[in-house]
Amino acid sequence: MFPISTQYLHSPCEIKTISNELITTGLISDILHGAIQICNDFDNLPIIHCNTPVKMNIYNNTAGFKVLVGKVFLSTAELMQITDIQNLVDFEQRSFFRLKVTKKVKARLLPDKTTGETDSKEFDAIITDLSLSGLFMNTTQKLEINQHFTVTLCLFGNRIPFNCKVERIKGDSYMNGYGCSFLDNTTHQSDLLCRYLFELQREQIRIARGLL
């Protein structure tokens, strides 16, 4: 049985080496008999040697995150065809599109239903790591494990609030670092964030190639 269904058509994906070095990003333009076809409407794809083994990180808001491995069969600037497709493992969703960023944001504490606390204090934070399922941020605001807050991201001219939960804390003498997960994103939120990460990653690839 082919390890990916037609539900993943038009899904964004990363193409990486087996050692997890990023090659390019794209969209699944076709799922053929025994092969996946990748395209990128925003940029030329790199030319990869035939039979090069690659890893594919594929995200779909409905069908879920999938990691596959295969071999490059055809590679042009317009498309890449990958064959010998196999499941690798069920990776956590957070491993997809996890990018290093420096993004100043405003955040606001959410009411604590367990204590009845209604503090909605706004605070400043700097996001240093962002993915489809969460973020890592630094702030002088003191937060606790499992505490909920809202962070507002400016995505393509839209101010989009994301509800978050603190999962881990990295303390410092002044700034605290917090690893946080997103809570109950809507399809619209996920689509905008995915598009933002996709374009940001494309820009990082171009910088790495010396094109910017």
N, C-alpha and C. Protein backbone atom coordinates (compact mmCIF):
# COMPACT_ATOMS: atom_id res chain seq x y z
N MET A 1 0.84 -1.20 0.00
CA MET A 1 0.00 0.00 0.00
C MET A 1 0.88 1.25 0.00
N PHE A 2 0.56 2.21 -0.90
CA PHE A 2 1.35 3.44 -0.98
C PHE A 2 1.20 4.22 0.31
N PRO A 3 2.30 4.71 0.92
CA PRO A 3 2.23 5.26 2.29
C PRO A 3 1.69 6.68 2.40
N ILE A 4 1.11 7.23 1.33
CA ILE A 4 0.52 8.57 1.42
C ILE A 4 -0.72 8.61 0.53
N SER A 5 -1.78 9.24 1.04
CA SER A 5 -3.04 9.29 0.31
C SER A 5 -3.17 10.61 -0.45
N THR A 6 -4.18 10.68 -1.32
CA THR A 6 -4.42 11.89 -2.10
C THR A 6 -4.89 13.05 -1.22
N GLN A 7 -5.19 12.78 0.05
CA GLN A 7 -5.52 13.87 0.98
C GLN A 7 -4.37 14.87 1.11
N TYR A 8 -3.15 14.42 0.82
CA TYR A 8 -1.98 15.27 1.00
C TYR A 8 -1.66 16.11 -0.24
N LEU A 9 -2.48 16.04 -1.28
CA LEU A 9 -2.27 16.89 -2.45
C LEU A 9 -2.28 18.36 -2.03
N HIS A 10 -1.34 19.13 -2.57
CA HIS A 10 -1.20 20.57 -2.32
C HIS A 10 -0.74 20.88 -0.89
N SER A 11 -0.26 19.89 -0.17
CA SER A 11 0.25 20.12 1.18
C SER A 11 1.68 20.67 1.11
N PRO A 12 2.04 21.60 2.00
CA PRO A 12 3.42 22.07 2.06
C PRO A 12 4.34 21.00 2.62
N CYS A 13 5.58 21.01 2.18
CA CYS A 13 6.52 20.01 2.67
C CYS A 13 7.94 20.54 2.63
N GLU A 14 8.77 19.94 3.44
CA GLU A 14 10.22 20.16 3.42
C GLU A 14 10.87 18.96 2.75
N ILE A 15 11.89 19.22 1.97
CA ILE A 15 12.74 18.16 1.42
C ILE A 15 14.09 18.30 2.10
N LYS A 16 14.54 17.23 2.78
CA LYS A 16 15.80 17.27 3.51
C LYS A 16 16.68 16.09 3.11
N THR A 17 17.96 16.22 3.43
CA THR A 17 18.83 15.06 3.30
C THR A 17 18.48 14.08 4.42
N ILE A 18 18.98 12.88 4.33
CA ILE A 18 18.71 11.89 5.38
C ILE A 18 19.30 12.34 6.71
N SER A 19 20.34 13.19 6.65
CA SER A 19 20.94 13.72 7.88
C SER A 19 20.28 15.02 8.34
N ASN A 20 19.09 15.32 7.76
CA ASN A 20 18.25 16.44 8.19
C ASN A 20 18.74 17.82 7.76
N GLU A 21 19.58 17.91 6.74
CA GLU A 21 19.95 19.22 6.19
C GLU A 21 18.89 19.63 5.18
N LEU A 22 18.39 20.84 5.31
CA LEU A 22 17.31 21.31 4.44
C LEU A 22 17.79 21.50 3.00
N ILE A 23 17.05 20.93 2.05
CA ILE A 23 17.35 21.10 0.63
C ILE A 23 16.45 22.17 0.03
N THR A 24 15.14 22.03 0.24
CA THR A 24 14.19 23.00 -0.30
C THR A 24 12.83 22.78 0.34
N THR A 25 11.92 23.66 0.03
CA THR A 25 10.52 23.49 0.43
C THR A 25 9.66 23.52 -0.83
N GLY A 26 8.45 23.01 -0.72
CA GLY A 26 7.56 23.01 -1.87
C GLY A 26 6.17 22.54 -1.50
N LEU A 27 5.36 22.32 -2.52
CA LEU A 27 4.03 21.78 -2.35
C LEU A 27 3.91 20.48 -3.12
N ILE A 28 3.12 19.55 -2.61
CA ILE A 28 2.88 18.30 -3.33
C ILE A 28 1.89 18.60 -4.45
N SER A 29 2.37 18.58 -5.68
CA SER A 29 1.53 18.91 -6.83
C SER A 29 0.84 17.70 -7.43
N ASP A 30 1.38 16.50 -7.16
CA ASP A 30 0.75 15.29 -7.70
C ASP A 30 1.22 14.08 -6.90
N ILE A 31 0.31 13.14 -6.73
CA ILE A 31 0.66 11.86 -6.12
C ILE A 31 0.40 10.81 -7.17
N LEU A 32 1.48 10.30 -7.76
CA LEU A 32 1.43 9.38 -8.88
C LEU A 32 1.50 7.94 -8.38
N HIS A 33 1.43 7.01 -9.29
CA HIS A 33 1.57 5.61 -8.91
C HIS A 33 3.02 5.35 -8.50
N GLY A 34 3.25 5.25 -7.20
CA GLY A 34 4.59 4.96 -6.69
C GLY A 34 5.50 6.16 -6.59
N ALA A 35 4.98 7.40 -6.75
CA ALA A 35 5.85 8.57 -6.72
C ALA A 35 5.08 9.79 -6.20
N ILE A 36 5.86 10.76 -5.68
CA ILE A 36 5.31 12.05 -5.24
C ILE A 36 6.00 13.14 -6.06
N GLN A 37 5.21 14.09 -6.53
CA GLN A 37 5.76 15.20 -7.31
C GLN A 37 5.67 16.49 -6.49
N ILE A 38 6.79 17.22 -6.44
CA ILE A 38 6.91 18.45 -5.67
C ILE A 38 7.10 19.63 -6.62
N CYS A 39 6.43 20.75 -6.34
CA CYS A 39 6.68 21.97 -7.09
C CYS A 39 6.80 23.14 -6.11
N ASN A 40 7.23 24.29 -6.62
CA ASN A 40 7.33 25.50 -5.81
C ASN A 40 6.99 26.67 -6.72
N ASP A 41 5.85 27.32 -6.49
CA ASP A 41 5.40 28.41 -7.34
C ASP A 41 6.15 29.71 -7.09
N PHE A 42 6.94 29.77 -6.01
CA PHE A 42 7.59 31.01 -5.62
C PHE A 42 9.07 31.08 -6.01
N ASP A 43 9.67 29.94 -6.30
CA ASP A 43 11.12 29.92 -6.51
C ASP A 43 11.49 28.69 -7.31
N ASN A 44 12.65 28.73 -7.96
CA ASN A 44 13.15 27.55 -8.65
C ASN A 44 13.61 26.49 -7.66
N LEU A 45 13.37 25.25 -7.98
CA LEU A 45 13.85 24.16 -7.14
C LEU A 45 15.32 23.87 -7.47
N PRO A 46 16.10 23.43 -6.49
CA PRO A 46 17.48 23.04 -6.77
C PRO A 46 17.52 21.74 -7.58
N ILE A 47 18.55 21.56 -8.36
CA ILE A 47 18.71 20.33 -9.15
C ILE A 47 19.43 19.29 -8.27
N ILE A 48 18.79 18.16 -8.07
CA ILE A 48 19.33 17.11 -7.21
C ILE A 48 19.63 15.87 -8.06
N HIS A 49 20.75 15.23 -7.79
CA HIS A 49 21.15 14.06 -8.55
C HIS A 49 20.12 12.93 -8.43
N CYS A 50 19.93 12.23 -9.52
CA CYS A 50 19.04 11.06 -9.54
C CYS A 50 19.51 10.03 -8.51
N ASN A 51 18.56 9.41 -7.83
CA ASN A 51 18.79 8.38 -6.81
C ASN A 51 19.31 8.93 -5.48
N THR A 52 19.34 10.25 -5.32
CA THR A 52 19.71 10.83 -4.03
C THR A 52 18.63 10.52 -3.01
N PRO A 53 18.97 9.90 -1.88
CA PRO A 53 17.94 9.64 -0.85
C PRO A 53 17.56 10.94 -0.15
N VAL A 54 16.27 11.12 0.10
CA VAL A 54 15.79 12.35 0.75
C VAL A 54 14.72 12.00 1.77
N LYS A 55 14.52 12.93 2.68
CA LYS A 55 13.45 12.82 3.67
C LYS A 55 12.42 13.90 3.36
N MET A 56 11.15 13.57 3.49
CA MET A 56 10.06 14.52 3.25
C MET A 56 9.25 14.72 4.52
N ASN A 57 9.20 15.95 5.01
CA ASN A 57 8.33 16.31 6.12
C ASN A 57 7.10 16.98 5.53
N ILE A 58 5.95 16.37 5.68
CA ILE A 58 4.73 16.83 5.02
C ILE A 58 3.68 17.17 6.06
N TYR A 59 3.08 18.36 5.90
CA TYR A 59 2.07 18.79 6.87
C TYR A 59 0.73 19.00 6.18
N ASN A 60 -0.32 18.49 6.81
CA ASN A 60 -1.69 18.72 6.35
C ASN A 60 -2.57 18.89 7.57
N ASN A 61 -3.30 19.99 7.63
CA ASN A 61 -4.06 20.32 8.83
C ASN A 61 -5.14 19.28 9.15
N THR A 62 -5.64 18.62 8.11
CA THR A 62 -6.69 17.61 8.30
C THR A 62 -6.11 16.22 8.48
N ALA A 63 -5.23 15.83 7.56
CA ALA A 63 -4.69 14.47 7.57
C ALA A 63 -3.55 14.29 8.56
N GLY A 64 -2.90 15.39 8.98
CA GLY A 64 -1.84 15.29 9.97
C GLY A 64 -0.45 15.35 9.38
N PHE A 65 0.53 15.32 10.25
CA PHE A 65 1.95 15.40 9.87
C PHE A 65 2.46 14.02 9.47
N LYS A 66 3.27 13.99 8.41
CA LYS A 66 3.80 12.71 7.93
C LYS A 66 5.26 12.89 7.51
N VAL A 67 6.07 11.91 7.85
CA VAL A 67 7.48 11.90 7.44
C VAL A 67 7.71 10.68 6.56
N LEU A 68 8.24 10.92 5.37
CA LEU A 68 8.53 9.84 4.42
C LEU A 68 9.97 9.94 3.96
N VAL A 69 10.50 8.83 3.47
CA VAL A 69 11.80 8.84 2.81
C VAL A 69 11.63 8.27 1.40
N GLY A 70 12.50 8.69 0.51
CA GLY A 70 12.43 8.20 -0.86
C GLY A 70 13.70 8.56 -1.60
N LYS A 71 13.68 8.39 -2.92
CA LYS A 71 14.84 8.71 -3.76
C LYS A 71 14.39 9.63 -4.89
N VAL A 72 15.24 10.60 -5.20
CA VAL A 72 14.94 11.53 -6.28
C VAL A 72 15.02 10.78 -7.61
N PHE A 73 13.92 10.83 -8.37
CA PHE A 73 13.87 10.19 -9.68
C PHE A 73 14.06 11.21 -10.80
N LEU A 74 13.43 12.38 -10.62
CA LEU A 74 13.51 13.44 -11.62
C LEU A 74 13.65 14.77 -10.89
N SER A 75 14.55 15.62 -11.35
CA SER A 75 14.78 16.91 -10.69
C SER A 75 15.03 17.99 -11.72
N THR A 76 14.14 18.99 -11.77
CA THR A 76 14.31 20.17 -12.62
C THR A 76 14.03 21.40 -11.77
N ALA A 77 14.20 22.56 -12.37
CA ALA A 77 13.92 23.80 -11.64
C ALA A 77 12.43 23.96 -11.37
N GLU A 78 11.58 23.24 -12.12
CA GLU A 78 10.12 23.39 -11.99
C GLU A 78 9.50 22.31 -11.10
N LEU A 79 10.09 21.13 -11.08
CA LEU A 79 9.47 20.05 -10.30
C LEU A 79 10.51 19.03 -9.85
N MET A 80 10.13 18.28 -8.83
CA MET A 80 10.96 17.19 -8.34
C MET A 80 10.05 15.97 -8.15
N GLN A 81 10.48 14.84 -8.68
CA GLN A 81 9.71 13.61 -8.54
C GLN A 81 10.49 12.63 -7.67
N ILE A 82 9.83 12.13 -6.64
CA ILE A 82 10.48 11.25 -5.67
C ILE A 82 9.79 9.90 -5.67
N THR A 83 10.59 8.84 -5.79
CA THR A 83 10.06 7.48 -5.85
C THR A 83 10.59 6.65 -4.69
N ASP A 84 10.28 5.34 -4.68
CA ASP A 84 10.68 4.43 -3.60
C ASP A 84 10.24 4.98 -2.24
N ILE A 85 9.00 5.44 -2.18
CA ILE A 85 8.48 6.10 -0.98
C ILE A 85 8.23 5.09 0.13
N GLN A 86 8.73 5.42 1.32
CA GLN A 86 8.50 4.58 2.49
C GLN A 86 8.24 5.48 3.71
N ASN A 87 7.46 4.98 4.67
CA ASN A 87 7.31 5.68 5.95
C ASN A 87 8.62 5.60 6.71
N LEU A 88 8.99 6.69 7.35
CA LEU A 88 10.18 6.67 8.19
C LEU A 88 9.77 6.32 9.62
N VAL A 89 9.20 7.25 10.32
CA VAL A 89 8.64 7.03 11.65
C VAL A 89 7.57 8.08 11.85
N ASP A 90 6.77 7.95 12.87
CA ASP A 90 5.78 8.98 13.21
C ASP A 90 6.45 10.03 14.08
N PHE A 91 6.98 11.04 13.41
CA PHE A 91 7.63 12.13 14.14
C PHE A 91 6.58 13.01 14.79
N GLU A 92 6.98 13.75 15.82
CA GLU A 92 6.09 14.73 16.43
C GLU A 92 5.88 15.88 15.46
N GLN A 93 4.70 16.44 15.48
CA GLN A 93 4.38 17.55 14.60
C GLN A 93 5.32 18.73 14.80
N ARG A 94 5.85 18.90 16.00
CA ARG A 94 6.67 20.07 16.28
C ARG A 94 7.99 20.05 15.51
N SER A 95 8.37 18.90 14.93
CA SER A 95 9.62 18.86 14.18
C SER A 95 9.49 19.48 12.79
N PHE A 96 8.27 19.85 12.41
CA PHE A 96 8.04 20.43 11.09
C PHE A 96 8.13 21.95 11.14
N PHE A 97 8.89 22.53 10.20
CA PHE A 97 8.98 23.98 10.06
C PHE A 97 9.34 24.66 11.38
N ARG A 98 10.26 24.12 12.12
CA ARG A 98 10.73 24.77 13.34
C ARG A 98 11.88 25.68 12.94
N LEU A 99 11.64 26.99 13.01
CA LEU A 99 12.59 27.96 12.51
C LEU A 99 13.11 28.86 13.62
N LYS A 100 14.38 29.24 13.50
CA LYS A 100 14.95 30.24 14.39
C LYS A 100 14.51 31.62 13.89
N VAL A 101 13.95 32.43 14.79
CA VAL A 101 13.48 33.76 14.43
C VAL A 101 13.86 34.73 15.54
N THR A 102 13.68 36.00 15.28
CA THR A 102 13.76 37.03 16.32
C THR A 102 12.56 37.93 16.09
N LYS A 103 11.51 37.69 16.83
CA LYS A 103 10.23 38.37 16.58
C LYS A 103 9.68 38.93 17.88
N LYS A 104 9.61 40.28 17.95
CA LYS A 104 9.04 40.92 19.13
C LYS A 104 7.52 40.86 19.06
N VAL A 105 6.89 40.47 20.17
CA VAL A 105 5.44 40.31 20.18
C VAL A 105 4.86 40.83 21.50
N LYS A 106 3.55 41.04 21.48
CA LYS A 106 2.80 41.35 22.69
C LYS A 106 2.04 40.09 23.10
N ALA A 107 2.02 39.84 24.39
CA ALA A 107 1.30 38.68 24.92
C ALA A 107 0.42 39.14 26.08
N ARG A 108 -0.58 38.33 26.39
CA ARG A 108 -1.51 38.67 27.47
C ARG A 108 -1.90 37.42 28.22
N LEU A 109 -1.84 37.48 29.55
CA LEU A 109 -2.23 36.34 30.37
C LEU A 109 -3.72 36.06 30.21
N LEU A 110 -4.08 34.78 30.22
CA LEU A 110 -5.48 34.39 30.17
C LEU A 110 -5.98 34.11 31.58
N PRO A 111 -7.26 34.30 31.83
CA PRO A 111 -7.81 34.01 33.17
C PRO A 111 -7.56 32.57 33.57
N ASP A 112 -7.23 32.35 34.82
CA ASP A 112 -7.00 31.01 35.37
C ASP A 112 -8.31 30.50 35.96
N LYS A 113 -8.94 29.55 35.29
CA LYS A 113 -10.24 29.05 35.74
C LYS A 113 -10.13 28.24 37.04
N THR A 114 -8.96 27.69 37.30
CA THR A 114 -8.81 26.85 38.51
C THR A 114 -8.72 27.70 39.77
N THR A 115 -8.14 28.92 39.64
CA THR A 115 -7.98 29.78 40.81
C THR A 115 -8.96 30.94 40.82
N GLY A 116 -9.64 31.15 39.70
CA GLY A 116 -10.55 32.28 39.60
C GLY A 116 -9.83 33.59 39.32
N GLU A 117 -8.52 33.52 39.08
CA GLU A 117 -7.74 34.72 38.80
C GLU A 117 -8.10 35.28 37.43
N THR A 118 -8.33 36.57 37.34
CA THR A 118 -8.77 37.18 36.08
C THR A 118 -7.74 38.17 35.54
N ASP A 119 -6.50 38.07 36.00
CA ASP A 119 -5.44 38.98 35.55
C ASP A 119 -5.24 38.82 34.04
N SER A 120 -5.34 39.92 33.32
CA SER A 120 -5.13 39.88 31.87
C SER A 120 -3.98 40.80 31.48
N LYS A 121 -2.97 40.83 32.31
CA LYS A 121 -1.82 41.71 32.13
C LYS A 121 -1.13 41.46 30.79
N GLU A 122 -0.82 42.54 30.08
CA GLU A 122 -0.08 42.44 28.83
C GLU A 122 1.42 42.53 29.11
N PHE A 123 2.21 41.77 28.36
CA PHE A 123 3.66 41.82 28.54
C PHE A 123 4.36 41.65 27.20
N ASP A 124 5.62 42.08 27.16
CA ASP A 124 6.45 41.97 25.95
C ASP A 124 7.22 40.66 25.96
N ALA A 125 7.44 40.13 24.78
CA ALA A 125 8.23 38.89 24.65
C ALA A 125 8.95 38.90 23.32
N ILE A 126 9.99 38.09 23.23
CA ILE A 126 10.73 37.91 21.97
C ILE A 126 10.69 36.43 21.61
N ILE A 127 10.07 36.09 20.49
CA ILE A 127 10.03 34.70 20.02
C ILE A 127 11.35 34.39 19.32
N THR A 128 12.00 33.30 19.72
CA THR A 128 13.28 32.91 19.12
C THR A 128 13.18 31.61 18.33
N ASP A 129 12.06 30.93 18.44
CA ASP A 129 11.89 29.64 17.79
C ASP A 129 10.39 29.47 17.53
N LEU A 130 10.01 29.17 16.28
CA LEU A 130 8.59 29.14 15.93
C LEU A 130 8.31 27.95 15.03
N SER A 131 7.20 27.26 15.32
CA SER A 131 6.78 26.13 14.49
C SER A 131 5.27 26.14 14.38
N LEU A 132 4.72 25.16 13.67
CA LEU A 132 3.27 25.08 13.52
C LEU A 132 2.57 24.68 14.80
N SER A 133 3.30 24.12 15.73
CA SER A 133 2.64 23.63 16.95
C SER A 133 3.04 24.40 18.21
N GLY A 134 3.96 25.36 18.09
CA GLY A 134 4.34 26.09 19.29
C GLY A 134 5.49 27.05 19.05
N LEU A 135 6.02 27.58 20.15
CA LEU A 135 7.07 28.59 20.07
C LEU A 135 7.94 28.54 21.31
N PHE A 136 9.11 29.15 21.19
CA PHE A 136 9.96 29.39 22.35
C PHE A 136 10.17 30.89 22.42
N MET A 137 10.00 31.47 23.62
CA MET A 137 10.11 32.91 23.75
C MET A 137 10.87 33.28 25.02
N ASN A 138 11.43 34.48 25.01
CA ASN A 138 12.10 35.05 26.17
C ASN A 138 11.30 36.26 26.64
N THR A 139 11.13 36.41 27.93
CA THR A 139 10.40 37.53 28.49
C THR A 139 10.79 37.72 29.95
N THR A 140 10.61 38.94 30.46
CA THR A 140 10.84 39.19 31.88
C THR A 140 9.62 38.80 32.72
N GLN A 141 8.49 38.55 32.04
CA GLN A 141 7.27 38.13 32.74
C GLN A 141 7.46 36.73 33.34
N LYS A 142 7.09 36.57 34.60
CA LYS A 142 7.20 35.26 35.24
C LYS A 142 5.96 34.43 34.94
N LEU A 143 6.18 33.26 34.35
CA LEU A 143 5.09 32.35 34.01
C LEU A 143 5.34 31.00 34.68
N GLU A 144 4.30 30.21 34.80
CA GLU A 144 4.39 28.89 35.41
C GLU A 144 4.05 27.81 34.38
N ILE A 145 4.53 26.59 34.65
CA ILE A 145 4.17 25.45 33.81
C ILE A 145 2.64 25.32 33.76
N ASN A 146 2.12 25.08 32.56
CA ASN A 146 0.68 24.93 32.28
C ASN A 146 -0.10 26.25 32.30
N GLN A 147 0.59 27.37 32.53
CA GLN A 147 -0.11 28.65 32.49
C GLN A 147 -0.47 28.99 31.04
N HIS A 148 -1.67 29.59 30.87
CA HIS A 148 -2.16 29.92 29.54
C HIS A 148 -2.02 31.43 29.28
N PHE A 149 -1.70 31.77 28.04
CA PHE A 149 -1.63 33.17 27.64
C PHE A 149 -1.91 33.26 26.14
N THR A 150 -2.14 34.47 25.67
CA THR A 150 -2.36 34.71 24.24
C THR A 150 -1.22 35.54 23.70
N VAL A 151 -0.67 35.13 22.56
CA VAL A 151 0.36 35.91 21.89
C VAL A 151 -0.21 36.33 20.53
N THR A 152 0.03 37.58 20.16
CA THR A 152 -0.49 38.10 18.89
C THR A 152 0.63 38.20 17.87
N LEU A 153 0.47 37.51 16.75
CA LEU A 153 1.45 37.54 15.66
C LEU A 153 0.89 38.35 14.50
N CYS A 154 1.72 39.18 13.92
CA CYS A 154 1.33 39.94 12.73
C CYS A 154 1.71 39.12 11.51
N LEU A 155 0.71 38.57 10.82
CA LEU A 155 0.94 37.70 9.68
C LEU A 155 0.24 38.27 8.45
N PHE A 156 1.02 38.75 7.50
CA PHE A 156 0.49 39.27 6.24
C PHE A 156 -0.54 40.38 6.47
N GLY A 157 -0.20 41.29 7.39
CA GLY A 157 -1.06 42.43 7.67
C GLY A 157 -2.20 42.14 8.61
N ASN A 158 -2.31 40.90 9.10
CA ASN A 158 -3.36 40.53 10.03
C ASN A 158 -2.78 40.30 11.42
N ARG A 159 -3.44 40.83 12.44
CA ARG A 159 -3.03 40.57 13.82
C ARG A 159 -3.79 39.33 14.30
N ILE A 160 -3.08 38.21 14.42
CA ILE A 160 -3.70 36.92 14.71
C ILE A 160 -3.32 36.46 16.12
N PRO A 161 -4.32 36.30 17.01
CA PRO A 161 -4.02 35.83 18.37
C PRO A 161 -3.91 34.30 18.40
N PHE A 162 -2.92 33.81 19.13
CA PHE A 162 -2.73 32.37 19.33
C PHE A 162 -2.74 32.09 20.83
N ASN A 163 -3.62 31.22 21.27
CA ASN A 163 -3.61 30.79 22.66
C ASN A 163 -2.49 29.79 22.88
N CYS A 164 -1.75 29.96 23.97
CA CYS A 164 -0.56 29.14 24.23
C CYS A 164 -0.60 28.58 25.64
N LYS A 165 0.16 27.50 25.84
CA LYS A 165 0.35 26.93 27.16
C LYS A 165 1.83 26.71 27.41
N VAL A 166 2.30 27.10 28.58
CA VAL A 166 3.71 26.93 28.92
C VAL A 166 3.99 25.44 29.19
N GLU A 167 4.95 24.89 28.46
CA GLU A 167 5.30 23.47 28.61
C GLU A 167 6.61 23.28 29.37
N ARG A 168 7.55 24.21 29.21
CA ARG A 168 8.83 24.09 29.92
C ARG A 168 9.41 25.48 30.15
N ILE A 169 10.30 25.57 31.13
CA ILE A 169 10.88 26.84 31.51
C ILE A 169 12.40 26.73 31.53
N LYS A 170 13.04 27.73 30.95
CA LYS A 170 14.50 27.83 31.00
C LYS A 170 14.83 29.13 31.71
N GLY A 171 15.21 29.05 32.97
CA GLY A 171 15.39 30.24 33.79
C GLY A 171 16.66 30.99 33.50
N ASP A 172 16.66 32.28 33.87
CA ASP A 172 17.80 33.16 33.71
C ASP A 172 17.74 34.19 34.83
N SER A 173 18.82 34.92 35.01
CA SER A 173 18.83 35.90 36.09
C SER A 173 17.88 37.06 35.82
N TYR A 174 17.63 37.34 34.54
CA TYR A 174 16.76 38.46 34.19
C TYR A 174 15.60 38.00 33.29
N MET A 175 15.97 37.43 32.13
CA MET A 175 14.96 36.94 31.19
C MET A 175 14.69 35.46 31.44
N ASN A 176 13.46 35.05 31.30
CA ASN A 176 13.11 33.64 31.35
C ASN A 176 12.76 33.15 29.95
N GLY A 177 13.14 31.91 29.65
CA GLY A 177 12.78 31.30 28.38
C GLY A 177 11.65 30.31 28.60
N TYR A 178 10.68 30.31 27.71
CA TYR A 178 9.51 29.44 27.85
C TYR A 178 9.24 28.70 26.54
N GLY A 179 9.20 27.38 26.63
CA GLY A 179 8.75 26.56 25.52
C GLY A 179 7.25 26.37 25.64
N CYS A 180 6.50 26.75 24.61
CA CYS A 180 5.04 26.79 24.70
C CYS A 180 4.40 26.08 23.51
N SER A 181 3.26 25.47 23.77
CA SER A 181 2.48 24.84 22.70
C SER A 181 1.28 25.71 22.37
N PHE A 182 0.80 25.61 21.11
CA PHE A 182 -0.42 26.30 20.72
C PHE A 182 -1.63 25.47 21.13
N LEU A 183 -2.72 26.14 21.45
CA LEU A 183 -3.94 25.47 21.88
C LEU A 183 -5.06 25.71 20.88
N ASP A 184 -5.59 24.63 20.29
CA ASP A 184 -6.81 24.70 19.49
C ASP A 184 -6.75 25.75 18.38
N ASN A 185 -5.71 25.70 17.56
CA ASN A 185 -5.66 26.61 16.42
C ASN A 185 -6.79 26.32 15.44
N THR A 186 -7.37 27.37 14.87
CA THR A 186 -8.35 27.18 13.80
C THR A 186 -7.60 26.89 12.50
N THR A 187 -8.34 26.42 11.50
CA THR A 187 -7.73 26.17 10.18
C THR A 187 -7.15 27.46 9.61
N HIS A 188 -7.86 28.57 9.81
CA HIS A 188 -7.38 29.87 9.31
C HIS A 188 -6.06 30.25 9.97
N GLN A 189 -5.97 30.08 11.28
CA GLN A 189 -4.72 30.38 11.99
C GLN A 189 -3.58 29.50 11.48
N SER A 190 -3.84 28.21 11.36
CA SER A 190 -2.81 27.27 10.92
C SER A 190 -2.36 27.57 9.50
N ASP A 191 -3.31 27.92 8.63
CA ASP A 191 -2.97 28.21 7.24
C ASP A 191 -2.08 29.45 7.14
N LEU A 192 -2.43 30.51 7.88
CA LEU A 192 -1.62 31.73 7.85
C LEU A 192 -0.24 31.49 8.42
N LEU A 193 -0.16 30.75 9.53
CA LEU A 193 1.13 30.48 10.16
C LEU A 193 1.98 29.60 9.24
N CYS A 194 1.36 28.61 8.63
CA CYS A 194 2.09 27.73 7.72
C CYS A 194 2.64 28.53 6.54
N ARG A 195 1.82 29.41 5.99
CA ARG A 195 2.27 30.25 4.87
C ARG A 195 3.43 31.14 5.29
N TYR A 196 3.33 31.72 6.50
CA TYR A 196 4.40 32.59 7.01
C TYR A 196 5.70 31.81 7.17
N LEU A 197 5.62 30.63 7.78
CA LEU A 197 6.82 29.82 7.98
C LEU A 197 7.40 29.36 6.66
N PHE A 198 6.52 29.01 5.73
CA PHE A 198 6.95 28.57 4.41
C PHE A 198 7.75 29.67 3.71
N GLU A 199 7.25 30.91 3.74
CA GLU A 199 7.93 32.02 3.09
C GLU A 199 9.21 32.40 3.83
N LEU A 200 9.17 32.35 5.16
CA LEU A 200 10.37 32.65 5.94
C LEU A 200 11.46 31.63 5.67
N GLN A 201 11.08 30.37 5.58
CA GLN A 201 12.07 29.34 5.31
C GLN A 201 12.64 29.48 3.90
N ARG A 202 11.78 29.85 2.95
CA ARG A 202 12.25 30.08 1.59
C ARG A 202 13.28 31.20 1.55
N GLU A 203 13.02 32.27 2.33
CA GLU A 203 13.97 33.38 2.41
C GLU A 203 15.28 32.92 3.02
N GLN A 204 15.23 32.08 4.06
CA GLN A 204 16.45 31.59 4.70
C GLN A 204 17.26 30.72 3.74
N ILE A 205 16.56 29.94 2.91
CA ILE A 205 17.26 29.13 1.92
C ILE A 205 17.98 30.02 0.91
N ARG A 206 17.30 31.08 0.46
CA ARG A 206 17.92 32.00 -0.50
C ARG A 206 19.13 32.70 0.09
N ILE A 207 19.05 33.06 1.39
CA ILE A 207 20.20 33.69 2.05
C ILE A 207 21.35 32.70 2.12
N ALA A 208 21.04 31.44 2.45
CA ALA A 208 22.08 30.41 2.56
C ALA A 208 22.75 30.17 1.20
N ARG A 209 21.99 30.34 0.13
CA ARG A 209 22.55 30.16 -1.22
C ARG A 209 23.29 31.42 -1.70
N GLY A 210 23.23 32.51 -0.91
CA GLY A 210 23.88 33.74 -1.31
C GLY A 210 23.11 34.53 -2.34
N LEU A 211 21.77 34.31 -2.40
CA LEU A 211 20.96 35.00 -3.40
C LEU A 211 20.37 36.30 -2.87
N LEU A 212 20.52 36.55 -1.55
CA LEU A 212 20.00 37.80 -0.97
C LEU A 212 21.15 38.56 -0.31
